[in-house]
Amino acid sequence: MAPNTVRIIKLAAALAVVAALAYGDDVARGPCSSRTTETVPNGRGLAASVRETSCSGNWGDDVMYFVFVHPAGLPNTRQDLVYRYTVNPEGYLEPPTVRWITPASLRISTGQSPPVTTTLQRTELRGTAIGYDFSL
């Protein structure tokens, strides 16, 4: 193989790793701890859950929040993820809140306007409309 081809392949592999770390994973690198802060059922077989993950060893301490819409009574998976963000390190560190407006409509509220880095924000999953409220 030509030397330039090998360099291009190595560069593509490195970019793929960076992309996976930035967007494909639901937690950052480093020692992390997670906890579910809230799980709210909709009364029709689904639940919305909020997970807080705190990691150190990246660029200081990272606090990330994840919101999942999943079948009630079952653990959440990556396919259930509807909202993922990193909080403003100088600001509000409370987890988001979730509230079912109707069994088919979920409202996610944060105490920041907007969070520092949003890496996933869906407006629909499993027939559930998802709205957001970013207020201070």
C-alpha atoms as a PDB file:
ATOM      1  CA  MET A   1       0.000   0.000   0.000  1.00  0.00           C
ATOM      2  CA  ALA A   2       1.239   3.497  -0.816  1.00  0.00           C
ATOM      3  CA  PRO A   3       2.410   5.613   2.178  1.00  0.00           C
ATOM      4  CA  ASN A   4      -0.257   8.270   1.506  1.00  0.00           C
ATOM      5  CA  THR A   5      -2.989   5.630   1.529  1.00  0.00           C
ATOM      6  CA  VAL A   6      -1.805   4.361   4.917  1.00  0.00           C
ATOM      7  CA  ARG A   7      -1.804   7.935   6.297  1.00  0.00           C
ATOM      8  CA  ILE A   8      -5.329   8.533   5.014  1.00  0.00           C
ATOM      9  CA  ILE A   9      -6.563   5.290   6.596  1.00  0.00           C
ATOM     10  CA  LYS A  10      -4.949   6.188   9.952  1.00  0.00           C
ATOM     11  CA  LEU A  11      -6.438   9.699   9.816  1.00  0.00           C
ATOM     12  CA  ALA A  12      -9.898   8.326   9.034  1.00  0.00           C
ATOM     13  CA  ALA A  13      -9.634   5.878  11.947  1.00  0.00           C
ATOM     14  CA  ALA A  14      -8.565   8.685  14.318  1.00  0.00           C
ATOM     15  CA  LEU A  15     -11.472  10.879  13.174  1.00  0.00           C
ATOM     16  CA  ALA A  16     -13.888   8.012  13.716  1.00  0.00           C
ATOM     17  CA  VAL A  17     -12.650   7.593  17.295  1.00  0.00           C
ATOM     18  CA  VAL A  18     -13.043  11.331  17.958  1.00  0.00           C
ATOM     19  CA  ALA A  19     -16.566  11.308  16.511  1.00  0.00           C
ATOM     20  CA  ALA A  20     -17.536   8.276  18.600  1.00  0.00           C
ATOM     21  CA  LEU A  21     -16.226   9.907  21.769  1.00  0.00           C
ATOM     22  CA  ALA A  22     -17.953  13.198  21.036  1.00  0.00           C
ATOM     23  CA  TYR A  23     -21.339  11.980  19.806  1.00  0.00           C
ATOM     24  CA  GLY A  24     -21.688   8.206  19.801  1.00  0.00           C
ATOM     25  CA  ASP A  25     -21.093   7.492  23.452  1.00  0.00           C
ATOM     26  CA  ASP A  26     -23.482   8.489  26.164  1.00  0.00           C
ATOM     27  CA  VAL A  27     -20.758   9.038  28.763  1.00  0.00           C
ATOM     28  CA  ALA A  28     -17.408  10.757  28.625  1.00  0.00           C
ATOM     29  CA  ARG A  29     -14.042   9.188  29.241  1.00  0.00           C
ATOM     30  CA  GLY A  30     -12.600   8.963  32.699  1.00  0.00           C
ATOM     31  CA  PRO A  31     -13.961   7.658  35.964  1.00  0.00           C
ATOM     32  CA  CYS A  32     -17.736   8.259  35.914  1.00  0.00           C
ATOM     33  CA  SER A  33     -20.613   7.794  38.298  1.00  0.00           C
ATOM     34  CA  SER A  34     -24.276   7.785  37.292  1.00  0.00           C
ATOM     35  CA  ARG A  35     -27.604   7.970  39.063  1.00  0.00           C
ATOM     36  CA  THR A  36     -31.216   8.110  37.966  1.00  0.00           C
ATOM     37  CA  THR A  37     -32.718  11.289  39.373  1.00  0.00           C
ATOM     38  CA  GLU A  38     -36.306  10.808  38.231  1.00  0.00           C
ATOM     39  CA  THR A  39     -38.551   8.277  36.465  1.00  0.00           C
ATOM     40  CA  VAL A  40     -42.084   9.328  35.567  1.00  0.00           C
ATOM     41  CA  PRO A  41     -44.565   6.889  33.957  1.00  0.00           C
ATOM     42  CA  ASN A  42     -47.133   8.175  31.463  1.00  0.00           C
ATOM     43  CA  GLY A  43     -49.845   5.700  32.508  1.00  0.00           C
ATOM     44  CA  ARG A  44     -49.878   4.064  29.063  1.00  0.00           C
ATOM     45  CA  GLY A  45     -46.816   1.838  29.167  1.00  0.00           C
ATOM     46  CA  LEU A  46     -43.977   4.362  28.746  1.00  0.00           C
ATOM     47  CA  ALA A  47     -41.799   6.169  31.262  1.00  0.00           C
ATOM     48  CA  ALA A  48     -39.442   9.142  31.066  1.00  0.00           C
ATOM     49  CA  SER A  49     -36.212   8.809  33.051  1.00  0.00           C
ATOM     50  CA  VAL A  50     -33.474  11.328  33.826  1.00  0.00           C
ATOM     51  CA  ARG A  51     -29.912  10.162  34.407  1.00  0.00           C
ATOM     52  CA  GLU A  52     -27.084  12.293  35.777  1.00  0.00           C
ATOM     53  CA  THR A  53     -23.519  11.264  34.968  1.00  0.00           C
ATOM     54  CA  SER A  54     -20.477  12.921  36.501  1.00  0.00           C
ATOM     55  CA  CYS A  55     -17.047  12.189  35.035  1.00  0.00           C
ATOM     56  CA  SER A  56     -13.610  13.407  36.017  1.00  0.00           C
ATOM     57  CA  GLY A  57     -10.429  13.172  34.033  1.00  0.00           C
ATOM     58  CA  ASN A  58     -11.619  14.852  30.837  1.00  0.00           C
ATOM     59  CA  TRP A  59     -11.211  18.616  31.017  1.00  0.00           C
ATOM     60  CA  GLY A  60     -11.944  18.859  34.705  1.00  0.00           C
ATOM     61  CA  ASP A  61     -15.266  17.518  35.909  1.00  0.00           C
ATOM     62  CA  ASP A  62     -18.085  16.996  33.401  1.00  0.00           C
ATOM     63  CA  VAL A  63     -21.717  16.728  34.445  1.00  0.00           C
ATOM     64  CA  MET A  64     -24.029  15.352  31.798  1.00  0.00           C
ATOM     65  CA  TYR A  65     -27.745  14.686  31.783  1.00  0.00           C
ATOM     66  CA  PHE A  66     -29.667  12.153  29.722  1.00  0.00           C
ATOM     67  CA  VAL A  67     -33.423  11.832  29.248  1.00  0.00           C
ATOM     68  CA  PHE A  68     -34.874   8.545  28.054  1.00  0.00           C
ATOM     69  CA  VAL A  69     -38.372   7.546  26.910  1.00  0.00           C
ATOM     70  CA  HIS A  70     -38.625   3.805  27.429  1.00  0.00           C
ATOM     71  CA  PRO A  71     -41.126   1.034  28.149  1.00  0.00           C
ATOM     72  CA  ALA A  72     -42.205   1.354  31.797  1.00  0.00           C
ATOM     73  CA  GLY A  73     -40.596  -1.218  34.060  1.00  0.00           C
ATOM     74  CA  LEU A  74     -37.724  -1.914  31.671  1.00  0.00           C
ATOM     75  CA  PRO A  75     -34.213  -0.431  31.757  1.00  0.00           C
ATOM     76  CA  ASN A  76     -33.459   2.314  29.271  1.00  0.00           C
ATOM     77  CA  THR A  77     -31.170   1.789  26.268  1.00  0.00           C
ATOM     78  CA  ARG A  78     -29.377   4.049  23.805  1.00  0.00           C
ATOM     79  CA  GLN A  79     -32.339   3.688  21.446  1.00  0.00           C
ATOM     80  CA  ASP A  80     -34.514   5.277  24.166  1.00  0.00           C
ATOM     81  CA  LEU A  81     -32.338   8.406  24.462  1.00  0.00           C
ATOM     82  CA  VAL A  82     -34.155  11.612  23.527  1.00  0.00           C
ATOM     83  CA  TYR A  83     -32.029  14.360  25.107  1.00  0.00           C
ATOM     84  CA  ARG A  84     -28.366  14.573  26.108  1.00  0.00           C
ATOM     85  CA  TYR A  85     -26.432  17.631  27.255  1.00  0.00           C
ATOM     86  CA  THR A  86     -23.496  18.872  29.300  1.00  0.00           C
ATOM     87  CA  VAL A  87     -24.258  21.567  31.859  1.00  0.00           C
ATOM     88  CA  ASN A  88     -22.724  24.990  32.196  1.00  0.00           C
ATOM     89  CA  PRO A  89     -19.899  24.491  34.740  1.00  0.00           C
ATOM     90  CA  GLU A  90     -20.339  27.999  36.156  1.00  0.00           C
ATOM     91  CA  GLY A  91     -24.092  27.784  36.390  1.00  0.00           C
ATOM     92  CA  TYR A  92     -27.060  25.684  37.274  1.00  0.00           C
ATOM     93  CA  LEU A  93     -26.287  22.052  38.075  1.00  0.00           C
ATOM     94  CA  GLU A  94     -29.755  20.706  38.870  1.00  0.00           C
ATOM     95  CA  PRO A  95     -31.028  17.869  36.677  1.00  0.00           C
ATOM     96  CA  PRO A  96     -33.740  18.529  34.122  1.00  0.00           C
ATOM     97  CA  THR A  97     -37.322  17.742  35.037  1.00  0.00           C
ATOM     98  CA  VAL A  98     -39.731  15.691  32.951  1.00  0.00           C
ATOM     99  CA  ARG A  99     -43.515  16.064  32.928  1.00  0.00           C
ATOM    100  CA  TRP A 100     -46.122  14.253  30.869  1.00  0.00           C
ATOM    101  CA  ILE A 101     -48.599  16.814  29.488  1.00  0.00           C
ATOM    102  CA  THR A 102     -50.661  13.941  28.045  1.00  0.00           C
ATOM    103  CA  PRO A 103     -49.756  10.252  27.633  1.00  0.00           C
ATOM    104  CA  ALA A 104     -48.379  11.186  24.174  1.00  0.00           C
ATOM    105  CA  SER A 105     -46.701  14.514  25.031  1.00  0.00           C
ATOM    106  CA  LEU A 106     -43.617  14.995  27.224  1.00  0.00           C
ATOM    107  CA  ARG A 107     -42.123  18.298  28.445  1.00  0.00           C
ATOM    108  CA  ILE A 108     -38.424  18.460  29.417  1.00  0.00           C
ATOM    109  CA  SER A 109     -37.348  21.503  31.434  1.00  0.00           C
ATOM    110  CA  THR A 110     -33.859  22.652  32.359  1.00  0.00           C
ATOM    111  CA  GLY A 111     -32.667  25.456  34.595  1.00  0.00           C
ATOM    112  CA  GLN A 112     -30.317  26.732  31.906  1.00  0.00           C
ATOM    113  CA  SER A 113     -30.907  28.699  28.766  1.00  0.00           C
ATOM    114  CA  PRO A 114     -29.636  26.681  26.898  1.00  0.00           C
ATOM    115  CA  PRO A 115     -27.282  24.032  28.324  1.00  0.00           C
ATOM    116  CA  VAL A 116     -23.657  24.405  27.231  1.00  0.00           C
ATOM    117  CA  THR A 117     -23.445  21.493  24.845  1.00  0.00           C
ATOM    118  CA  THR A 118     -26.477  19.653  23.522  1.00  0.00           C
ATOM    119  CA  THR A 119     -25.408  16.523  21.662  1.00  0.00           C
ATOM    120  CA  LEU A 120     -28.854  14.992  21.092  1.00  0.00           C
ATOM    121  CA  GLN A 121     -32.316  16.575  21.096  1.00  0.00           C
ATOM    122  CA  ARG A 122     -35.237  14.647  19.613  1.00  0.00           C
ATOM    123  CA  THR A 123     -38.752  15.992  19.181  1.00  0.00           C
ATOM    124  CA  GLU A 124     -40.453  12.598  18.814  1.00  0.00           C
ATOM    125  CA  LEU A 125     -39.924   8.978  19.826  1.00  0.00           C
ATOM    126  CA  ARG A 126     -42.377   6.066  19.917  1.00  0.00           C
ATOM    127  CA  GLY A 127     -45.307   8.331  19.083  1.00  0.00           C
ATOM    128  CA  THR A 128     -44.430  10.710  21.924  1.00  0.00           C
ATOM    129  CA  ALA A 129     -44.098  14.408  21.074  1.00  0.00           C
ATOM    130  CA  ILE A 130     -41.260  15.982  23.066  1.00  0.00           C
ATOM    131  CA  GLY A 131     -41.107  19.687  23.905  1.00  0.00           C
ATOM    132  CA  TYR A 132     -38.419  21.648  25.723  1.00  0.00           C
ATOM    133  CA  ASP A 133     -38.361  24.546  28.159  1.00  0.00           C
ATOM    134  CA  PHE A 134     -35.012  26.306  28.673  1.00  0.00           C
ATOM    135  CA  SER A 135     -35.549  28.841  31.418  1.00  0.00           C
ATOM    136  CA  LEU A 136     -33.496  30.374  34.145  1.00  0.00           C
END
